[in-house]
Amino acid sequence: MHPSGLHLLVTNEAQEPMYVIAIPGGSEREVLPGQTSEFVWSGIQPGSVEVVCYPVSEPSHDGRATQELTVVDPDRLFTSSDV
């Protein structure tokens, strides 16, 4: 965990634009073919997060394989926006 949120570095090796999304809490981000992009999601809290990539040409990520990540926050940097 970083003070600004979860940072994820993504490289698109596909031949078409791809979306990447972190579930729960992350919005879709587009990565163009051959590009590497760093995304920051500030609303993701420590715990399990699933990341999925899918072509922009598809209507959703439903049915796509996901990769589970564990977000740790040993320095207790995360602060909830819920008050």
PDB file of N, CA and C in Angstrom:
ATOM      1  N   MET A   1       0.857  -1.177   0.000  1.00  0.00           N
ATOM      2  CA  MET A   1       0.000   0.000   0.000  1.00  0.00           C
ATOM      3  C   MET A   1       0.896   1.230   0.000  1.00  0.00           C
ATOM      4  N   HIS A   2       0.469   2.211  -0.746  1.00  0.00           N
ATOM      5  CA  HIS A   2       1.155   3.491  -0.866  1.00  0.00           C
ATOM      6  C   HIS A   2       0.197   4.553  -0.340  1.00  0.00           C
ATOM      7  N   PRO A   3       0.685   5.671   0.186  1.00  0.00           N
ATOM      8  CA  PRO A   3      -0.239   6.696   0.698  1.00  0.00           C
ATOM      9  C   PRO A   3      -1.297   7.136  -0.309  1.00  0.00           C
ATOM     10  N   SER A   4      -0.985   7.081  -1.607  1.00  0.00           N
ATOM     11  CA  SER A   4      -1.958   7.523  -2.617  1.00  0.00           C
ATOM     12  C   SER A   4      -2.889   6.399  -3.067  1.00  0.00           C
ATOM     13  N   GLY A   5      -2.657   5.162  -2.625  1.00  0.00           N
ATOM     14  CA  GLY A   5      -3.533   4.050  -2.996  1.00  0.00           C
ATOM     15  C   GLY A   5      -2.758   2.876  -3.563  1.00  0.00           C
ATOM     16  N   LEU A   6      -3.488   1.974  -4.202  1.00  0.00           N
ATOM     17  CA  LEU A   6      -2.893   0.797  -4.820  1.00  0.00           C
ATOM     18  C   LEU A   6      -2.313   1.179  -6.171  1.00  0.00           C
ATOM     19  N   HIS A   7      -1.033   0.907  -6.379  1.00  0.00           N
ATOM     20  CA  HIS A   7      -0.369   1.165  -7.654  1.00  0.00           C
ATOM     21  C   HIS A   7      -0.209  -0.163  -8.377  1.00  0.00           C
ATOM     22  N   LEU A   8      -0.598  -0.190  -9.647  1.00  0.00           N
ATOM     23  CA  LEU A   8      -0.494  -1.406 -10.445  1.00  0.00           C
ATOM     24  C   LEU A   8       0.127  -1.048 -11.784  1.00  0.00           C
ATOM     25  N   LEU A   9       1.203  -1.738 -12.136  1.00  0.00           N
ATOM     26  CA  LEU A   9       1.886  -1.530 -13.405  1.00  0.00           C
ATOM     27  C   LEU A   9       1.426  -2.613 -14.365  1.00  0.00           C
ATOM     28  N   VAL A  10       0.873  -2.206 -15.518  1.00  0.00           N
ATOM     29  CA  VAL A  10       0.263  -3.133 -16.467  1.00  0.00           C
ATOM     30  C   VAL A  10       0.891  -2.947 -17.843  1.00  0.00           C
ATOM     31  N   THR A  11       1.285  -4.069 -18.464  1.00  0.00           N
ATOM     32  CA  THR A  11       1.785  -4.059 -19.838  1.00  0.00           C
ATOM     33  C   THR A  11       0.801  -4.808 -20.721  1.00  0.00           C
ATOM     34  N   ASN A  12       0.365  -4.180 -21.796  1.00  0.00           N
ATOM     35  CA  ASN A  12      -0.557  -4.808 -22.737  1.00  0.00           C
ATOM     36  C   ASN A  12       0.245  -5.445 -23.869  1.00  0.00           C
ATOM     37  N   GLU A  13       0.309  -6.779 -23.860  1.00  0.00           N
ATOM     38  CA  GLU A  13       1.008  -7.513 -24.911  1.00  0.00           C
ATOM     39  C   GLU A  13       0.058  -7.996 -25.999  1.00  0.00           C
ATOM     40  N   ALA A  14      -1.209  -7.642 -25.882  1.00  0.00           N
ATOM     41  CA  ALA A  14      -2.205  -8.016 -26.889  1.00  0.00           C
ATOM     42  C   ALA A  14      -2.087  -7.097 -28.105  1.00  0.00           C
ATOM     43  N   GLN A  15      -2.792  -7.454 -29.152  1.00  0.00           N
ATOM     44  CA  GLN A  15      -2.779  -6.678 -30.387  1.00  0.00           C
ATOM     45  C   GLN A  15      -3.916  -5.665 -30.454  1.00  0.00           C
ATOM     46  N   GLU A  16      -4.625  -5.510 -29.352  1.00  0.00           N
ATOM     47  CA  GLU A  16      -5.754  -4.570 -29.303  1.00  0.00           C
ATOM     48  C   GLU A  16      -5.799  -3.890 -27.942  1.00  0.00           C
ATOM     49  N   PRO A  17      -6.500  -2.756 -27.840  1.00  0.00           N
ATOM     50  CA  PRO A  17      -6.636  -2.088 -26.547  1.00  0.00           C
ATOM     51  C   PRO A  17      -7.325  -3.011 -25.535  1.00  0.00           C
ATOM     52  N   MET A  18      -6.869  -2.920 -24.293  1.00  0.00           N
ATOM     53  CA  MET A  18      -7.429  -3.748 -23.228  1.00  0.00           C
ATOM     54  C   MET A  18      -7.828  -2.860 -22.059  1.00  0.00           C
ATOM     55  N   TYR A  19      -8.874  -3.300 -21.349  1.00  0.00           N
ATOM     56  CA  TYR A  19      -9.231  -2.685 -20.079  1.00  0.00           C
ATOM     57  C   TYR A  19      -8.628  -3.511 -18.961  1.00  0.00           C
ATOM     58  N   VAL A  20      -8.260  -2.862 -17.891  1.00  0.00           N
ATOM     59  CA  VAL A  20      -7.872  -3.534 -16.659  1.00  0.00           C
ATOM     60  C   VAL A  20      -8.735  -2.930 -15.554  1.00  0.00           C
ATOM     61  N   ILE A  21      -9.194  -3.789 -14.653  1.00  0.00           N
ATOM     62  CA  ILE A  21     -10.036  -3.326 -13.553  1.00  0.00           C
ATOM     63  C   ILE A  21      -9.675  -4.118 -12.304  1.00  0.00           C
ATOM     64  N   ALA A  22      -9.683  -3.443 -11.174  1.00  0.00           N
ATOM     65  CA  ALA A  22      -9.475  -4.090  -9.873  1.00  0.00           C
ATOM     66  C   ALA A  22     -10.837  -4.169  -9.185  1.00  0.00           C
ATOM     67  N   ILE A  23     -11.177  -5.362  -8.687  1.00  0.00           N
ATOM     68  CA  ILE A  23     -12.489  -5.596  -8.092  1.00  0.00           C
ATOM     69  C   ILE A  23     -12.293  -6.041  -6.651  1.00  0.00           C
ATOM     70  N   PRO A  24     -12.893  -5.439  -5.674  1.00  0.00           N
ATOM     71  CA  PRO A  24     -13.787  -4.279  -5.755  1.00  0.00           C
ATOM     72  C   PRO A  24     -13.012  -2.965  -5.680  1.00  0.00           C
ATOM     73  N   GLY A  25     -13.649  -1.910  -6.122  1.00  0.00           N
ATOM     74  CA  GLY A  25     -13.168  -0.563  -5.877  1.00  0.00           C
ATOM     75  C   GLY A  25     -12.410   0.135  -6.979  1.00  0.00           C
ATOM     76  N   GLY A  26     -12.020  -0.567  -8.029  1.00  0.00           N
ATOM     77  CA  GLY A  26     -11.262   0.095  -9.087  1.00  0.00           C
ATOM     78  C   GLY A  26     -12.107   0.327 -10.322  1.00  0.00           C
ATOM     79  N   SER A  27     -11.876   1.422 -10.978  1.00  0.00           N
ATOM     80  CA  SER A  27     -12.585   1.699 -12.219  1.00  0.00           C
ATOM     81  C   SER A  27     -11.793   1.136 -13.394  1.00  0.00           C
ATOM     82  N   GLU A  28     -12.464   0.953 -14.529  1.00  0.00           N
ATOM     83  CA  GLU A  28     -11.796   0.453 -15.727  1.00  0.00           C
ATOM     84  C   GLU A  28     -10.760   1.461 -16.201  1.00  0.00           C
ATOM     85  N   ARG A  29      -9.606   0.924 -16.599  1.00  0.00           N
ATOM     86  CA  ARG A  29      -8.553   1.758 -17.178  1.00  0.00           C
ATOM     87  C   ARG A  29      -8.118   1.110 -18.477  1.00  0.00           C
ATOM     88  N   GLU A  30      -7.858   1.916 -19.477  1.00  0.00           N
ATOM     89  CA  GLU A  30      -7.494   1.392 -20.797  1.00  0.00           C
ATOM     90  C   GLU A  30      -5.977   1.398 -20.984  1.00  0.00           C
ATOM     91  N   VAL A  31      -5.467   0.295 -21.563  1.00  0.00           N
ATOM     92  CA  VAL A  31      -4.054   0.180 -21.906  1.00  0.00           C
ATOM     93  C   VAL A  31      -3.976  -0.146 -23.395  1.00  0.00           C
ATOM     94  N   LEU A  32      -3.262   0.678 -24.141  1.00  0.00           N
ATOM     95  CA  LEU A  32      -3.127   0.475 -25.580  1.00  0.00           C
ATOM     96  C   LEU A  32      -2.111  -0.620 -25.883  1.00  0.00           C
ATOM     97  N   PRO A  33      -2.209  -1.239 -27.064  1.00  0.00           N
ATOM     98  CA  PRO A  33      -1.269  -2.309 -27.426  1.00  0.00           C
ATOM     99  C   PRO A  33       0.187  -1.845 -27.322  1.00  0.00           C
ATOM    100  N   GLY A  34       1.010  -2.685 -26.689  1.00  0.00           N
ATOM    101  CA  GLY A  34       2.427  -2.381 -26.568  1.00  0.00           C
ATOM    102  C   GLY A  34       2.786  -1.383 -25.485  1.00  0.00           C
ATOM    103  N   GLN A  35       1.800  -0.835 -24.801  1.00  0.00           N
ATOM    104  CA  GLN A  35       2.076   0.160 -23.771  1.00  0.00           C
ATOM    105  C   GLN A  35       2.153  -0.471 -22.387  1.00  0.00           C
ATOM    106  N   THR A  36       2.926   0.184 -21.531  1.00  0.00           N
ATOM    107  CA  THR A  36       2.951  -0.120 -20.104  1.00  0.00           C
ATOM    108  C   THR A  36       2.436   1.112 -19.390  1.00  0.00           C
ATOM    109  N   SER A  37       1.452   0.904 -18.513  1.00  0.00           N
ATOM    110  CA  SER A  37       0.843   2.022 -17.793  1.00  0.00           C
ATOM    111  C   SER A  37       0.794   1.707 -16.303  1.00  0.00           C
ATOM    112  N   GLU A  38       0.941   2.746 -15.501  1.00  0.00           N
ATOM    113  CA  GLU A  38       0.785   2.607 -14.054  1.00  0.00           C
ATOM    114  C   GLU A  38      -0.546   3.231 -13.663  1.00  0.00           C
ATOM    115  N   PHE A  39      -1.349   2.465 -12.936  1.00  0.00           N
ATOM    116  CA  PHE A  39      -2.639   2.951 -12.474  1.00  0.00           C
ATOM    117  C   PHE A  39      -2.630   3.042 -10.964  1.00  0.00           C
ATOM    118  N   VAL A  40      -3.353   4.024 -10.442  1.00  0.00           N
ATOM    119  CA  VAL A  40      -3.489   4.190  -9.003  1.00  0.00           C
ATOM    120  C   VAL A  40      -4.969   4.189  -8.679  1.00  0.00           C
ATOM    121  N   TRP A  41      -5.357   3.280  -7.799  1.00  0.00           N
ATOM    122  CA  TRP A  41      -6.729   3.233  -7.304  1.00  0.00           C
ATOM    123  C   TRP A  41      -6.697   3.605  -5.831  1.00  0.00           C
ATOM    124  N   SER A  42      -7.267   4.749  -5.487  1.00  0.00           N
ATOM    125  CA  SER A  42      -7.196   5.245  -4.109  1.00  0.00           C
ATOM    126  C   SER A  42      -8.239   4.620  -3.193  1.00  0.00           C
ATOM    127  N   GLY A  43      -9.309   4.047  -3.732  1.00  0.00           N
ATOM    128  CA  GLY A  43     -10.386   3.533  -2.897  1.00  0.00           C
ATOM    129  C   GLY A  43     -10.260   2.072  -2.511  1.00  0.00           C
ATOM    130  N   ILE A  44      -9.168   1.427  -2.863  1.00  0.00           N
ATOM    131  CA  ILE A  44      -9.020   0.002  -2.573  1.00  0.00           C
ATOM    132  C   ILE A  44      -8.380  -0.166  -1.209  1.00  0.00           C
ATOM    133  N   GLN A  45      -9.054  -0.955  -0.371  1.00  0.00           N
ATOM    134  CA  GLN A  45      -8.557  -1.167   0.978  1.00  0.00           C
ATOM    135  C   GLN A  45      -7.741  -2.452   1.065  1.00  0.00           C
ATOM    136  N   PRO A  46      -6.968  -2.613   2.115  1.00  0.00           N
ATOM    137  CA  PRO A  46      -6.187  -3.841   2.292  1.00  0.00           C
ATOM    138  C   PRO A  46      -7.088  -5.076   2.285  1.00  0.00           C
ATOM    139  N   GLY A  47      -6.547  -6.177   1.776  1.00  0.00           N
ATOM    140  CA  GLY A  47      -7.289  -7.424   1.671  1.00  0.00           C
ATOM    141  C   GLY A  47      -7.190  -7.978   0.268  1.00  0.00           C
ATOM    142  N   SER A  48      -8.117  -8.858  -0.076  1.00  0.00           N
ATOM    143  CA  SER A  48      -8.111  -9.489  -1.400  1.00  0.00           C
ATOM    144  C   SER A  48      -8.699  -8.571  -2.456  1.00  0.00           C
ATOM    145  N   VAL A  49      -8.027  -8.532  -3.589  1.00  0.00           N
ATOM    146  CA  VAL A  49      -8.478  -7.769  -4.751  1.00  0.00           C
ATOM    147  C   VAL A  49      -8.297  -8.673  -5.957  1.00  0.00           C
ATOM    148  N   GLU A  50      -9.277  -8.688  -6.842  1.00  0.00           N
ATOM    149  CA  GLU A  50      -9.147  -9.429  -8.094  1.00  0.00           C
ATOM    150  C   GLU A  50      -8.906  -8.443  -9.218  1.00  0.00           C
ATOM    151  N   VAL A  51      -7.953  -8.775 -10.074  1.00  0.00           N
ATOM    152  CA  VAL A  51      -7.639  -7.936 -11.229  1.00  0.00           C
ATOM    153  C   VAL A  51      -7.991  -8.727 -12.473  1.00  0.00           C
ATOM    154  N   VAL A  52      -8.638  -8.062 -13.409  1.00  0.00           N
ATOM    155  CA  VAL A  52      -9.030  -8.719 -14.657  1.00  0.00           C
ATOM    156  C   VAL A  52      -8.733  -7.787 -15.832  1.00  0.00           C
ATOM    157  N   CYS A  53      -8.298  -8.383 -16.924  1.00  0.00           N
ATOM    158  CA  CYS A  53      -8.058  -7.645 -18.173  1.00  0.00           C
ATOM    159  C   CYS A  53      -8.982  -8.217 -19.240  1.00  0.00           C
ATOM    160  N   TYR A  54      -9.484  -7.360 -20.105  1.00  0.00           N
ATOM    161  CA  TYR A  54     -10.336  -7.820 -21.207  1.00  0.00           C
ATOM    162  C   TYR A  54     -10.331  -6.794 -22.325  1.00  0.00           C
ATOM    163  N   PRO A  55     -10.581  -7.253 -23.560  1.00  0.00           N
ATOM    164  CA  PRO A  55     -10.554  -6.350 -24.709  1.00  0.00           C
ATOM    165  C   PRO A  55     -11.618  -5.254 -24.612  1.00  0.00           C
ATOM    166  N   VAL A  56     -11.251  -4.078 -25.040  1.00  0.00           N
ATOM    167  CA  VAL A  56     -12.186  -2.946 -25.075  1.00  0.00           C
ATOM    168  C   VAL A  56     -13.388  -3.281 -25.956  1.00  0.00           C
ATOM    169  N   SER A  57     -13.192  -4.149 -26.947  1.00  0.00           N
ATOM    170  CA  SER A  57     -14.265  -4.507 -27.873  1.00  0.00           C
ATOM    171  C   SER A  57     -15.335  -5.390 -27.234  1.00  0.00           C
ATOM    172  N   GLU A  58     -15.076  -5.937 -26.046  1.00  0.00           N
ATOM    173  CA  GLU A  58     -16.070  -6.774 -25.369  1.00  0.00           C
ATOM    174  C   GLU A  58     -16.886  -5.934 -24.393  1.00  0.00           C
ATOM    175  N   PRO A  59     -18.166  -6.290 -24.194  1.00  0.00           N
ATOM    176  CA  PRO A  59     -19.041  -5.462 -23.372  1.00  0.00           C
ATOM    177  C   PRO A  59     -18.733  -5.480 -21.880  1.00  0.00           C
ATOM    178  N   SER A  60     -18.098  -6.544 -21.358  1.00  0.00           N
ATOM    179  CA  SER A  60     -17.808  -6.594 -19.924  1.00  0.00           C
ATOM    180  C   SER A  60     -16.727  -7.626 -19.643  1.00  0.00           C
ATOM    181  N   HIS A  61     -16.327  -7.689 -18.389  1.00  0.00           N
ATOM    182  CA  HIS A  61     -15.310  -8.639 -17.959  1.00  0.00           C
ATOM    183  C   HIS A  61     -15.919  -9.956 -17.479  1.00  0.00           C
ATOM    184  N   ASP A  62     -17.235 -10.090 -17.551  1.00  0.00           N
ATOM    185  CA  ASP A  62     -17.902 -11.309 -17.092  1.00  0.00           C
ATOM    186  C   ASP A  62     -17.322 -12.540 -17.774  1.00  0.00           C
ATOM    187  N   GLY A  63     -17.017 -13.564 -16.988  1.00  0.00           N
ATOM    188  CA  GLY A  63     -16.505 -14.807 -17.528  1.00  0.00           C
ATOM    189  C   GLY A  63     -15.013 -14.820 -17.787  1.00  0.00           C
ATOM    190  N   ARG A  64     -14.349 -13.723 -17.579  1.00  0.00           N
ATOM    191  CA  ARG A  64     -12.901 -13.639 -17.787  1.00  0.00           C
ATOM    192  C   ARG A  64     -12.158 -14.168 -16.564  1.00  0.00           C
ATOM    193  N   ALA A  65     -10.991 -14.732 -16.791  1.00  0.00           N
ATOM    194  CA  ALA A  65     -10.132 -15.183 -15.691  1.00  0.00           C
ATOM    195  C   ALA A  65      -9.628 -13.967 -14.919  1.00  0.00           C
ATOM    196  N   THR A  66      -9.509 -14.130 -13.615  1.00  0.00           N
ATOM    197  CA  THR A  66      -9.010 -13.050 -12.768  1.00  0.00           C
ATOM    198  C   THR A  66      -7.720 -13.482 -12.089  1.00  0.00           C
ATOM    199  N   GLN A  67      -6.986 -12.517 -11.616  1.00  0.00           N
ATOM    200  CA  GLN A  67      -5.787 -12.771 -10.822  1.00  0.00           C
ATOM    201  C   GLN A  67      -6.016 -12.150  -9.456  1.00  0.00           C
ATOM    202  N   GLU A  68      -5.929 -12.961  -8.412  1.00  0.00           N
ATOM    203  CA  GLU A  68      -6.139 -12.433  -7.068  1.00  0.00           C
ATOM    204  C   GLU A  68      -4.839 -11.868  -6.512  1.00  0.00           C
ATOM    205  N   LEU A  69      -4.930 -10.691  -5.938  1.00  0.00           N
ATOM    206  CA  LEU A  69      -3.812 -10.033  -5.271  1.00  0.00           C
ATOM    207  C   LEU A  69      -4.189  -9.813  -3.815  1.00  0.00           C
ATOM    208  N   THR A  70      -3.212  -9.827  -2.953  1.00  0.00           N
ATOM    209  CA  THR A  70      -3.441  -9.475  -1.553  1.00  0.00           C
ATOM    210  C   THR A  70      -2.778  -8.139  -1.299  1.00  0.00           C
ATOM    211  N   VAL A  71      -3.586  -7.151  -0.938  1.00  0.00           N
ATOM    212  CA  VAL A  71      -3.088  -5.813  -0.643  1.00  0.00           C
ATOM    213  C   VAL A  71      -2.784  -5.753   0.847  1.00  0.00           C
ATOM    214  N   VAL A  72      -1.540  -5.475   1.178  1.00  0.00           N
ATOM    215  CA  VAL A  72      -1.135  -5.377   2.583  1.00  0.00           C
ATOM    216  C   VAL A  72      -0.814  -3.923   2.913  1.00  0.00           C
ATOM    217  N   ASP A  73      -0.986  -3.585   4.171  1.00  0.00           N
ATOM    218  CA  ASP A  73      -0.780  -2.211   4.627  1.00  0.00           C
ATOM    219  C   ASP A  73      -0.106  -2.229   5.995  1.00  0.00           C
ATOM    220  N   PRO A  74       1.154  -2.691   6.057  1.00  0.00           N
ATOM    221  CA  PRO A  74       1.818  -2.802   7.357  1.00  0.00           C
ATOM    222  C   PRO A  74       2.026  -1.458   8.067  1.00  0.00           C
ATOM    223  N   ASP A  75       2.069  -0.375   7.303  1.00  0.00           N
ATOM    224  CA  ASP A  75       2.260   0.947   7.903  1.00  0.00           C
ATOM    225  C   ASP A  75       0.944   1.662   8.193  1.00  0.00           C
ATOM    226  N   ARG A  76      -0.169   0.976   7.951  1.00  0.00           N
ATOM    227  CA  ARG A  76      -1.509   1.532   8.219  1.00  0.00           C
ATOM    228  C   ARG A  76      -1.723   2.884   7.521  1.00  0.00           C
ATOM    229  N   LEU A  77      -1.424   2.907   6.229  1.00  0.00           N
ATOM    230  CA  LEU A  77      -1.583   4.122   5.439  1.00  0.00           C
ATOM    231  C   LEU A  77      -3.006   4.318   4.940  1.00  0.00           C
ATOM    232  N   PHE A  78      -3.765   3.204   4.794  1.00  0.00           N
ATOM    233  CA  PHE A  78      -5.121   3.298   4.263  1.00  0.00           C
ATOM    234  C   PHE A  78      -6.042   4.002   5.249  1.00  0.00           C
ATOM    235  N   THR A  79      -6.809   4.947   4.735  1.00  0.00           N
ATOM    236  CA  THR A  79      -7.874   5.578   5.514  1.00  0.00           C
ATOM    237  C   THR A  79      -9.142   5.504   4.698  1.00  0.00           C
ATOM    238  N   SER A  80     -10.190   5.014   5.305  1.00  0.00           N
ATOM    239  CA  SER A  80     -11.468   4.838   4.614  1.00  0.00           C
ATOM    240  C   SER A  80     -12.109   6.183   4.336  1.00  0.00           C
ATOM    241  N   SER A  81     -12.802   6.272   3.210  1.00  0.00           N
ATOM    242  CA  SER A  81     -13.557   7.490   2.907  1.00  0.00           C
ATOM    243  C   SER A  81     -14.899   7.481   3.620  1.00  0.00           C
ATOM    244  N   ASP A  82     -15.271   6.325   4.207  1.00  0.00           N
ATOM    245  CA  ASP A  82     -16.512   6.227   4.999  1.00  0.00           C
ATOM    246  C   ASP A  82     -16.290   6.906   6.337  1.00  0.00           C
ATOM    247  N   VAL A  83     -17.167   7.826   6.664  1.00  0.00           N
ATOM    248  CA  VAL A  83     -17.033   8.534   7.946  1.00  0.00           C
ATOM    249  C   VAL A  83     -18.201   8.207   8.819  1.00  0.00           C
TER     250      VAL A  83
END
